[in-house]
N, C-alpha and C. Protein backbone atom coordinates (compact mmCIF):
# COMPACT_ATOMS: atom_id res chain seq x y z
N UNK A 1 53.58 14.58 -11.02
CA UNK A 1 53.09 13.37 -11.63
C UNK A 1 52.96 12.31 -10.54
N UNK A 2 51.76 11.74 -10.45
CA UNK A 2 51.50 10.68 -9.49
C UNK A 2 50.97 9.46 -10.22
N UNK A 3 51.28 8.29 -9.72
CA UNK A 3 50.88 7.06 -10.39
C UNK A 3 50.50 6.01 -9.35
N UNK A 4 49.92 4.93 -9.86
CA UNK A 4 49.60 3.75 -9.06
C UNK A 4 50.24 2.55 -9.74
N UNK A 5 50.49 1.54 -8.96
CA UNK A 5 51.00 0.30 -9.54
C UNK A 5 49.99 -0.21 -10.56
N UNK A 6 50.47 -0.60 -11.74
CA UNK A 6 49.60 -1.08 -12.81
C UNK A 6 49.27 -0.02 -13.84
N UNK A 7 49.52 1.26 -13.53
CA UNK A 7 49.31 2.32 -14.52
C UNK A 7 50.31 2.17 -15.65
N UNK A 8 50.00 2.80 -16.77
CA UNK A 8 50.92 2.81 -17.90
C UNK A 8 51.70 4.11 -17.91
N UNK A 9 52.99 4.03 -18.18
CA UNK A 9 53.83 5.20 -18.36
C UNK A 9 54.12 5.31 -19.85
N UNK A 10 53.80 6.45 -20.42
CA UNK A 10 53.99 6.67 -21.86
C UNK A 10 55.00 7.78 -22.05
N UNK A 11 56.07 7.47 -22.77
CA UNK A 11 57.11 8.44 -23.08
C UNK A 11 57.02 8.77 -24.56
N UNK A 12 56.76 10.02 -24.86
CA UNK A 12 56.72 10.47 -26.25
C UNK A 12 58.14 10.71 -26.74
N UNK A 13 58.37 10.44 -28.02
CA UNK A 13 59.68 10.73 -28.60
C UNK A 13 59.91 12.23 -28.64
N UNK A 14 61.12 12.66 -28.34
CA UNK A 14 61.41 14.10 -28.31
C UNK A 14 62.10 14.58 -29.58
N UNK A 15 62.56 13.67 -30.41
CA UNK A 15 63.23 14.04 -31.66
C UNK A 15 62.53 13.37 -32.84
N UNK A 16 62.69 13.93 -33.99
CA UNK A 16 62.13 13.33 -35.19
C UNK A 16 62.68 11.91 -35.33
N UNK A 17 61.78 10.95 -35.53
CA UNK A 17 62.19 9.56 -35.68
C UNK A 17 62.14 8.77 -34.39
N UNK A 18 62.09 9.46 -33.24
CA UNK A 18 61.96 8.75 -31.96
C UNK A 18 60.57 8.15 -31.88
N UNK A 19 60.48 6.96 -31.32
CA UNK A 19 59.17 6.33 -31.19
C UNK A 19 58.65 6.48 -29.77
N UNK A 20 57.36 6.34 -29.64
CA UNK A 20 56.71 6.36 -28.33
C UNK A 20 56.99 5.05 -27.63
N UNK A 21 57.27 5.12 -26.33
CA UNK A 21 57.48 3.91 -25.52
C UNK A 21 56.39 3.83 -24.46
N UNK A 22 55.91 2.63 -24.25
CA UNK A 22 54.87 2.40 -23.25
C UNK A 22 55.33 1.28 -22.32
N UNK A 23 55.14 1.52 -21.04
CA UNK A 23 55.50 0.52 -20.05
C UNK A 23 54.49 0.47 -18.93
N UNK A 24 54.52 -0.61 -18.18
CA UNK A 24 53.64 -0.75 -17.03
C UNK A 24 54.43 -0.46 -15.77
N UNK A 25 53.88 0.38 -14.91
CA UNK A 25 54.53 0.71 -13.65
C UNK A 25 54.32 -0.48 -12.70
N UNK A 26 55.42 -1.07 -12.28
CA UNK A 26 55.32 -2.25 -11.42
C UNK A 26 55.75 -1.96 -9.98
N UNK A 27 56.40 -0.81 -9.77
CA UNK A 27 56.82 -0.46 -8.41
C UNK A 27 56.94 1.05 -8.31
N UNK A 28 56.52 1.60 -7.17
CA UNK A 28 56.64 3.02 -6.89
C UNK A 28 57.75 3.21 -5.87
N UNK A 29 58.70 4.06 -6.20
CA UNK A 29 59.82 4.31 -5.28
C UNK A 29 59.68 5.63 -4.54
N UNK A 30 58.86 6.54 -5.06
CA UNK A 30 58.65 7.83 -4.41
C UNK A 30 57.51 7.75 -3.41
N UNK A 31 57.33 8.82 -2.66
CA UNK A 31 56.27 8.88 -1.66
C UNK A 31 54.92 9.16 -2.32
N UNK A 32 53.89 8.45 -1.90
CA UNK A 32 52.51 8.68 -2.33
C UNK A 32 52.33 8.68 -3.86
N UNK A 33 53.03 7.82 -4.56
CA UNK A 33 52.86 7.70 -6.01
C UNK A 33 53.74 8.60 -6.84
N UNK A 34 54.67 9.28 -6.20
CA UNK A 34 55.59 10.16 -6.93
C UNK A 34 56.74 9.34 -7.53
N UNK A 35 57.39 9.86 -8.58
CA UNK A 35 58.55 9.16 -9.16
C UNK A 35 59.68 9.05 -8.16
N UNK A 36 60.63 8.18 -8.41
CA UNK A 36 60.81 7.35 -9.61
C UNK A 36 59.93 6.10 -9.57
N UNK A 37 59.81 5.49 -10.76
CA UNK A 37 59.01 4.28 -10.93
C UNK A 37 59.87 3.17 -11.52
N UNK A 38 59.57 1.95 -11.14
CA UNK A 38 60.15 0.81 -11.83
C UNK A 38 59.12 0.43 -12.90
N UNK A 39 59.58 0.40 -14.14
CA UNK A 39 58.69 0.20 -15.29
C UNK A 39 59.11 -1.05 -16.06
N UNK A 40 58.13 -1.86 -16.46
CA UNK A 40 58.39 -2.98 -17.38
C UNK A 40 57.91 -2.52 -18.75
N UNK A 41 58.86 -2.40 -19.68
CA UNK A 41 58.56 -1.91 -21.03
C UNK A 41 57.85 -2.98 -21.84
N UNK A 42 56.77 -2.61 -22.50
CA UNK A 42 55.96 -3.57 -23.23
C UNK A 42 56.65 -4.09 -24.48
N UNK A 43 57.53 -3.29 -25.08
CA UNK A 43 58.18 -3.72 -26.32
C UNK A 43 59.36 -4.66 -26.10
N UNK A 44 59.98 -4.61 -24.93
CA UNK A 44 61.17 -5.43 -24.68
C UNK A 44 61.01 -6.36 -23.48
N UNK A 45 60.01 -6.13 -22.65
CA UNK A 45 59.77 -6.89 -21.41
C UNK A 45 60.90 -6.68 -20.41
N UNK A 46 61.72 -5.66 -20.59
CA UNK A 46 62.79 -5.32 -19.65
C UNK A 46 62.26 -4.33 -18.62
N UNK A 47 62.92 -4.29 -17.47
CA UNK A 47 62.55 -3.38 -16.40
C UNK A 47 63.63 -2.32 -16.22
N UNK A 48 63.19 -1.11 -15.87
CA UNK A 48 64.15 -0.04 -15.60
C UNK A 48 63.56 0.94 -14.60
N UNK A 49 64.45 1.65 -13.91
CA UNK A 49 64.06 2.70 -12.99
C UNK A 49 63.95 3.98 -13.79
N UNK A 50 62.78 4.65 -13.70
CA UNK A 50 62.52 5.81 -14.56
C UNK A 50 62.19 7.03 -13.70
N UNK A 51 62.84 8.13 -14.03
CA UNK A 51 62.53 9.44 -13.48
C UNK A 51 61.89 10.21 -14.63
N UNK A 52 60.56 10.19 -14.77
CA UNK A 52 59.90 10.75 -15.95
C UNK A 52 60.16 12.25 -16.12
N UNK A 53 60.32 12.64 -17.37
CA UNK A 53 60.51 14.04 -17.72
C UNK A 53 59.23 14.64 -18.27
N UNK A 54 59.33 15.82 -18.87
CA UNK A 54 58.14 16.52 -19.37
C UNK A 54 57.48 15.84 -20.57
N UNK A 55 58.17 14.90 -21.20
CA UNK A 55 57.61 14.19 -22.36
C UNK A 55 56.85 12.94 -21.95
N UNK A 56 56.62 12.75 -20.63
CA UNK A 56 55.98 11.53 -20.12
C UNK A 56 54.59 11.84 -19.58
N UNK A 57 53.74 10.81 -19.61
CA UNK A 57 52.43 10.91 -18.97
C UNK A 57 52.05 9.55 -18.39
N UNK A 58 51.18 9.58 -17.39
CA UNK A 58 50.70 8.37 -16.75
C UNK A 58 49.23 8.19 -17.11
N UNK A 59 48.86 6.97 -17.49
CA UNK A 59 47.48 6.65 -17.80
C UNK A 59 47.07 5.41 -17.02
N UNK A 60 45.78 5.34 -16.67
CA UNK A 60 45.33 4.13 -15.96
C UNK A 60 45.45 2.91 -16.86
N UNK A 61 45.45 1.71 -16.29
CA UNK A 61 45.57 0.51 -17.10
C UNK A 61 44.36 0.36 -18.03
N UNK A 62 44.58 -0.29 -19.16
CA UNK A 62 43.51 -0.54 -20.10
C UNK A 62 42.55 -1.58 -19.50
N UNK A 63 41.26 -1.36 -19.68
CA UNK A 63 40.27 -2.35 -19.23
C UNK A 63 40.19 -3.48 -20.23
N UNK A 64 40.04 -4.67 -19.73
CA UNK A 64 39.96 -5.83 -20.64
C UNK A 64 38.62 -6.46 -20.53
């Protein structure tokens, strides 16, 4: 998984009742866009260091 700053990280819920989380990648800590990423979550505006698992995907930013 490779990303760019400004991409969206989407984590799908893995259990029944889990919700999807979406965040903006604000910093890349791995080499050449590899994880881990510093993500600002859109629902809470909090930042966290994320090592994405198999339930995650990266999408380009939405055009406005």
